[in-house]
Amino acid sequence: ERSKGLIYVLVAAAIVGSNPFDYFRVLRKELVVYDPALLSRPFLILLNKCDVVEASLHVEAFHGAFPEYKDRIYVISAERGDGSDAFKDALQKALA
């Protein structure tokens, strides 16, 4: 409640019967129930585990499901560090 913004961290790798855009929708609905004012805060979306081959399908589908958030979506592999610099830059700008 005291934060300046939110970061949604979602697993982009394939998990049987799930996908990151369903999780994102669930998280947004939970915020509405908890405190709708949180939805008005700036946010970034972090799709992690993108080093897994199947993740690319989920990333593409996520972009297709939420084109209005294209400038807020960051794709990374925390294990390899891929994409982390772009995310850190965006986070610094968001908190400035």
N, C-alpha and C. Protein backbone atom coordinates (compact mmCIF):
# COMPACT_ATOMS: atom_id res chain seq x y z
N GLU A 1 0.81 -1.20 0.00
CA GLU A 1 0.00 0.00 0.00
C GLU A 1 0.86 1.26 0.00
N ARG A 2 2.09 1.16 0.46
CA ARG A 2 2.97 2.32 0.51
C ARG A 2 3.84 2.44 -0.72
N SER A 3 3.75 1.49 -1.62
CA SER A 3 4.63 1.49 -2.79
C SER A 3 4.22 2.53 -3.82
N LYS A 4 5.20 2.98 -4.60
CA LYS A 4 4.94 3.94 -5.66
C LYS A 4 4.33 3.26 -6.88
N GLY A 5 4.60 1.98 -7.01
CA GLY A 5 4.11 1.25 -8.18
C GLY A 5 4.14 -0.24 -7.93
N LEU A 6 3.79 -0.98 -8.96
CA LEU A 6 3.72 -2.43 -8.85
C LEU A 6 4.56 -3.08 -9.93
N ILE A 7 5.07 -4.26 -9.61
CA ILE A 7 5.74 -5.09 -10.60
C ILE A 7 5.06 -6.45 -10.55
N TYR A 8 4.49 -6.82 -11.68
CA TYR A 8 3.90 -8.15 -11.80
C TYR A 8 4.99 -9.07 -12.32
N VAL A 9 5.38 -10.07 -11.55
CA VAL A 9 6.39 -11.03 -11.98
C VAL A 9 5.68 -12.32 -12.32
N LEU A 10 5.73 -12.67 -13.60
CA LEU A 10 5.00 -13.83 -14.11
C LEU A 10 5.96 -14.80 -14.77
N VAL A 11 5.70 -16.08 -14.61
CA VAL A 11 6.52 -17.12 -15.24
C VAL A 11 6.04 -17.30 -16.67
N ALA A 12 6.93 -17.09 -17.62
CA ALA A 12 6.57 -17.22 -19.03
C ALA A 12 6.74 -18.65 -19.54
N ALA A 13 7.47 -19.47 -18.81
CA ALA A 13 7.69 -20.85 -19.23
C ALA A 13 6.40 -21.64 -19.14
N ALA A 14 6.30 -22.65 -19.98
CA ALA A 14 5.09 -23.47 -20.02
C ALA A 14 4.91 -24.26 -18.73
N ILE A 15 3.77 -24.08 -18.13
CA ILE A 15 3.36 -24.90 -16.99
C ILE A 15 2.03 -25.49 -17.41
N VAL A 16 1.89 -26.78 -17.28
CA VAL A 16 0.70 -27.47 -17.78
C VAL A 16 -0.58 -26.80 -17.26
N GLY A 17 -1.44 -26.42 -18.22
CA GLY A 17 -2.74 -25.86 -17.86
C GLY A 17 -2.71 -24.42 -17.41
N SER A 18 -1.61 -23.72 -17.60
CA SER A 18 -1.55 -22.32 -17.16
C SER A 18 -0.78 -21.49 -18.17
N ASN A 19 -0.94 -20.20 -18.03
CA ASN A 19 -0.20 -19.26 -18.88
C ASN A 19 -0.12 -17.93 -18.16
N PRO A 20 0.83 -17.10 -18.52
CA PRO A 20 1.03 -15.85 -17.77
C PRO A 20 -0.13 -14.87 -17.89
N PHE A 21 -0.87 -14.86 -19.02
CA PHE A 21 -1.94 -13.87 -19.10
C PHE A 21 -3.11 -14.23 -18.21
N ASP A 22 -3.35 -15.51 -17.95
CA ASP A 22 -4.38 -15.88 -16.96
C ASP A 22 -3.96 -15.44 -15.57
N TYR A 23 -2.69 -15.65 -15.23
CA TYR A 23 -2.20 -15.22 -13.92
C TYR A 23 -2.29 -13.70 -13.77
N PHE A 24 -1.97 -12.98 -14.82
CA PHE A 24 -2.05 -11.52 -14.78
C PHE A 24 -3.48 -11.07 -14.52
N ARG A 25 -4.42 -11.67 -15.21
CA ARG A 25 -5.83 -11.32 -14.99
C ARG A 25 -6.27 -11.63 -13.56
N VAL A 26 -5.84 -12.75 -13.03
CA VAL A 26 -6.19 -13.12 -11.65
C VAL A 26 -5.60 -12.11 -10.67
N LEU A 27 -4.34 -11.74 -10.86
CA LEU A 27 -3.72 -10.77 -9.97
C LEU A 27 -4.44 -9.42 -10.00
N ARG A 28 -4.82 -8.98 -11.19
CA ARG A 28 -5.55 -7.71 -11.31
C ARG A 28 -6.90 -7.79 -10.59
N LYS A 29 -7.59 -8.91 -10.73
CA LYS A 29 -8.88 -9.07 -10.04
C LYS A 29 -8.70 -9.10 -8.52
N GLU A 30 -7.63 -9.74 -8.06
CA GLU A 30 -7.37 -9.77 -6.62
C GLU A 30 -7.08 -8.37 -6.08
N LEU A 31 -6.41 -7.55 -6.87
CA LEU A 31 -6.15 -6.17 -6.44
C LEU A 31 -7.45 -5.37 -6.34
N VAL A 32 -8.38 -5.62 -7.25
CA VAL A 32 -9.67 -4.93 -7.19
C VAL A 32 -10.37 -5.26 -5.88
N VAL A 33 -10.32 -6.51 -5.48
CA VAL A 33 -10.97 -6.94 -4.23
C VAL A 33 -10.25 -6.35 -3.03
N TYR A 34 -8.92 -6.37 -3.07
CA TYR A 34 -8.14 -5.89 -1.92
C TYR A 34 -8.21 -4.37 -1.78
N ASP A 35 -7.87 -3.66 -2.85
CA ASP A 35 -7.87 -2.20 -2.82
C ASP A 35 -7.85 -1.68 -4.26
N PRO A 36 -8.99 -1.31 -4.82
CA PRO A 36 -9.05 -0.87 -6.22
C PRO A 36 -8.12 0.30 -6.54
N ALA A 37 -7.75 1.10 -5.56
CA ALA A 37 -6.86 2.23 -5.79
C ALA A 37 -5.48 1.77 -6.26
N LEU A 38 -5.09 0.55 -5.92
CA LEU A 38 -3.79 0.04 -6.34
C LEU A 38 -3.69 -0.08 -7.87
N LEU A 39 -4.82 -0.26 -8.53
CA LEU A 39 -4.81 -0.40 -9.98
C LEU A 39 -4.47 0.92 -10.69
N SER A 40 -4.56 2.01 -9.98
CA SER A 40 -4.25 3.30 -10.59
C SER A 40 -2.75 3.63 -10.51
N ARG A 41 -1.99 2.79 -9.81
CA ARG A 41 -0.56 3.04 -9.67
C ARG A 41 0.19 2.57 -10.92
N PRO A 42 1.31 3.19 -11.21
CA PRO A 42 2.12 2.73 -12.34
C PRO A 42 2.57 1.29 -12.11
N PHE A 43 2.75 0.56 -13.20
CA PHE A 43 3.18 -0.83 -13.05
C PHE A 43 4.02 -1.27 -14.24
N LEU A 44 4.83 -2.29 -13.98
CA LEU A 44 5.61 -2.96 -15.00
C LEU A 44 5.26 -4.44 -14.95
N ILE A 45 5.41 -5.12 -16.07
CA ILE A 45 5.14 -6.55 -16.14
C ILE A 45 6.44 -7.24 -16.51
N LEU A 46 6.84 -8.17 -15.68
CA LEU A 46 8.09 -8.90 -15.88
C LEU A 46 7.76 -10.36 -16.20
N LEU A 47 8.08 -10.77 -17.42
CA LEU A 47 7.89 -12.16 -17.82
C LEU A 47 9.24 -12.86 -17.67
N ASN A 48 9.32 -13.76 -16.71
CA ASN A 48 10.57 -14.41 -16.35
C ASN A 48 10.63 -15.83 -16.91
N LYS A 49 11.80 -16.42 -16.82
CA LYS A 49 12.09 -17.78 -17.31
C LYS A 49 11.99 -17.87 -18.82
N CYS A 50 12.39 -16.82 -19.48
CA CYS A 50 12.30 -16.77 -20.93
C CYS A 50 13.43 -17.52 -21.62
N ASP A 51 14.31 -18.11 -20.83
CA ASP A 51 15.35 -18.95 -21.41
C ASP A 51 14.80 -20.34 -21.76
N VAL A 52 13.63 -20.67 -21.28
CA VAL A 52 12.99 -21.95 -21.59
C VAL A 52 12.36 -21.85 -22.97
N VAL A 53 12.59 -22.84 -23.80
CA VAL A 53 12.17 -22.80 -25.21
C VAL A 53 10.68 -22.49 -25.36
N GLU A 54 9.83 -23.14 -24.60
CA GLU A 54 8.38 -22.97 -24.73
C GLU A 54 7.89 -21.58 -24.32
N ALA A 55 8.72 -20.84 -23.63
CA ALA A 55 8.31 -19.52 -23.13
C ALA A 55 7.96 -18.56 -24.25
N SER A 56 8.60 -18.67 -25.38
CA SER A 56 8.37 -17.72 -26.47
C SER A 56 6.92 -17.72 -26.92
N LEU A 57 6.26 -18.87 -26.89
CA LEU A 57 4.84 -18.93 -27.26
C LEU A 57 3.98 -18.15 -26.26
N HIS A 58 4.31 -18.28 -24.99
CA HIS A 58 3.55 -17.56 -23.96
C HIS A 58 3.81 -16.06 -24.03
N VAL A 59 5.04 -15.68 -24.32
CA VAL A 59 5.38 -14.26 -24.43
C VAL A 59 4.61 -13.64 -25.59
N GLU A 60 4.61 -14.31 -26.71
CA GLU A 60 3.88 -13.82 -27.89
C GLU A 60 2.38 -13.71 -27.59
N ALA A 61 1.82 -14.72 -26.94
CA ALA A 61 0.41 -14.70 -26.58
C ALA A 61 0.10 -13.58 -25.59
N PHE A 62 1.02 -13.34 -24.66
CA PHE A 62 0.82 -12.28 -23.67
C PHE A 62 0.77 -10.92 -24.36
N HIS A 63 1.69 -10.68 -25.26
CA HIS A 63 1.69 -9.43 -26.02
C HIS A 63 0.39 -9.28 -26.82
N GLY A 64 -0.09 -10.38 -27.37
CA GLY A 64 -1.33 -10.33 -28.13
C GLY A 64 -2.55 -10.07 -27.25
N ALA A 65 -2.52 -10.59 -26.03
CA ALA A 65 -3.65 -10.41 -25.11
C ALA A 65 -3.68 -9.01 -24.49
N PHE A 66 -2.52 -8.38 -24.37
CA PHE A 66 -2.43 -7.08 -23.70
C PHE A 66 -1.61 -6.08 -24.52
N PRO A 67 -2.03 -5.78 -25.74
CA PRO A 67 -1.25 -4.85 -26.56
C PRO A 67 -1.16 -3.45 -25.96
N GLU A 68 -2.14 -3.08 -25.13
CA GLU A 68 -2.13 -1.76 -24.52
C GLU A 68 -1.00 -1.59 -23.49
N TYR A 69 -0.39 -2.70 -23.08
CA TYR A 69 0.69 -2.65 -22.10
C TYR A 69 2.05 -2.95 -22.72
N LYS A 70 2.17 -2.88 -24.04
CA LYS A 70 3.41 -3.29 -24.71
C LYS A 70 4.63 -2.55 -24.19
N ASP A 71 4.50 -1.30 -23.78
CA ASP A 71 5.64 -0.54 -23.27
C ASP A 71 5.95 -0.85 -21.80
N ARG A 72 5.17 -1.70 -21.19
CA ARG A 72 5.38 -2.05 -19.78
C ARG A 72 5.85 -3.49 -19.60
N ILE A 73 5.94 -4.24 -20.69
CA ILE A 73 6.26 -5.66 -20.62
C ILE A 73 7.76 -5.85 -20.85
N TYR A 74 8.39 -6.55 -19.93
CA TYR A 74 9.82 -6.85 -20.02
C TYR A 74 10.02 -8.36 -19.92
N VAL A 75 10.80 -8.87 -20.84
CA VAL A 75 11.04 -10.31 -20.94
C VAL A 75 12.47 -10.57 -20.48
N ILE A 76 12.60 -11.42 -19.45
CA ILE A 76 13.94 -11.68 -18.92
C ILE A 76 14.16 -13.16 -18.64
N SER A 77 15.41 -13.48 -18.47
CA SER A 77 15.83 -14.75 -17.89
C SER A 77 16.67 -14.37 -16.69
N ALA A 78 16.14 -14.55 -15.51
CA ALA A 78 16.88 -14.20 -14.30
C ALA A 78 18.13 -15.07 -14.17
N GLU A 79 18.02 -16.31 -14.63
CA GLU A 79 19.16 -17.23 -14.55
C GLU A 79 20.33 -16.75 -15.40
N ARG A 80 20.05 -16.33 -16.63
CA ARG A 80 21.11 -15.91 -17.55
C ARG A 80 21.34 -14.40 -17.55
N GLY A 81 20.38 -13.64 -17.03
CA GLY A 81 20.50 -12.19 -17.00
C GLY A 81 19.98 -11.52 -18.26
N ASP A 82 19.46 -12.29 -19.19
CA ASP A 82 18.93 -11.72 -20.43
C ASP A 82 17.79 -10.75 -20.13
N GLY A 83 17.84 -9.57 -20.70
CA GLY A 83 16.78 -8.59 -20.56
C GLY A 83 16.76 -7.82 -19.26
N SER A 84 17.64 -8.17 -18.34
CA SER A 84 17.58 -7.53 -17.02
C SER A 84 18.01 -6.06 -17.06
N ASP A 85 18.93 -5.71 -17.95
CA ASP A 85 19.36 -4.30 -18.02
C ASP A 85 18.21 -3.39 -18.46
N ALA A 86 17.46 -3.81 -19.46
CA ALA A 86 16.32 -3.02 -19.93
C ALA A 86 15.28 -2.88 -18.82
N PHE A 87 15.06 -3.97 -18.08
CA PHE A 87 14.09 -3.90 -16.98
C PHE A 87 14.59 -2.95 -15.88
N LYS A 88 15.85 -3.03 -15.53
CA LYS A 88 16.40 -2.15 -14.49
C LYS A 88 16.28 -0.68 -14.91
N ASP A 89 16.56 -0.40 -16.17
CA ASP A 89 16.42 0.97 -16.67
C ASP A 89 14.98 1.46 -16.55
N ALA A 90 14.04 0.61 -16.94
CA ALA A 90 12.62 0.97 -16.87
C ALA A 90 12.19 1.18 -15.42
N LEU A 91 12.69 0.35 -14.55
CA LEU A 91 12.35 0.48 -13.13
C LEU A 91 12.88 1.78 -12.55
N GLN A 92 14.10 2.14 -12.89
CA GLN A 92 14.66 3.40 -12.41
C GLN A 92 13.85 4.59 -12.92
N LYS A 93 13.45 4.55 -14.17
CA LYS A 93 12.62 5.63 -14.74
C LYS A 93 11.27 5.69 -14.05
N ALA A 94 10.68 4.53 -13.78
CA ALA A 94 9.37 4.49 -13.14
C ALA A 94 9.41 5.04 -11.71
N LEU A 95 10.52 4.86 -11.04
CA LEU A 95 10.64 5.31 -9.65
C LEU A 95 11.17 6.73 -9.52
N ALA A 96 11.61 7.30 -10.62
CA ALA A 96 12.17 8.66 -10.58
C ALA A 96 11.09 9.72 -10.37
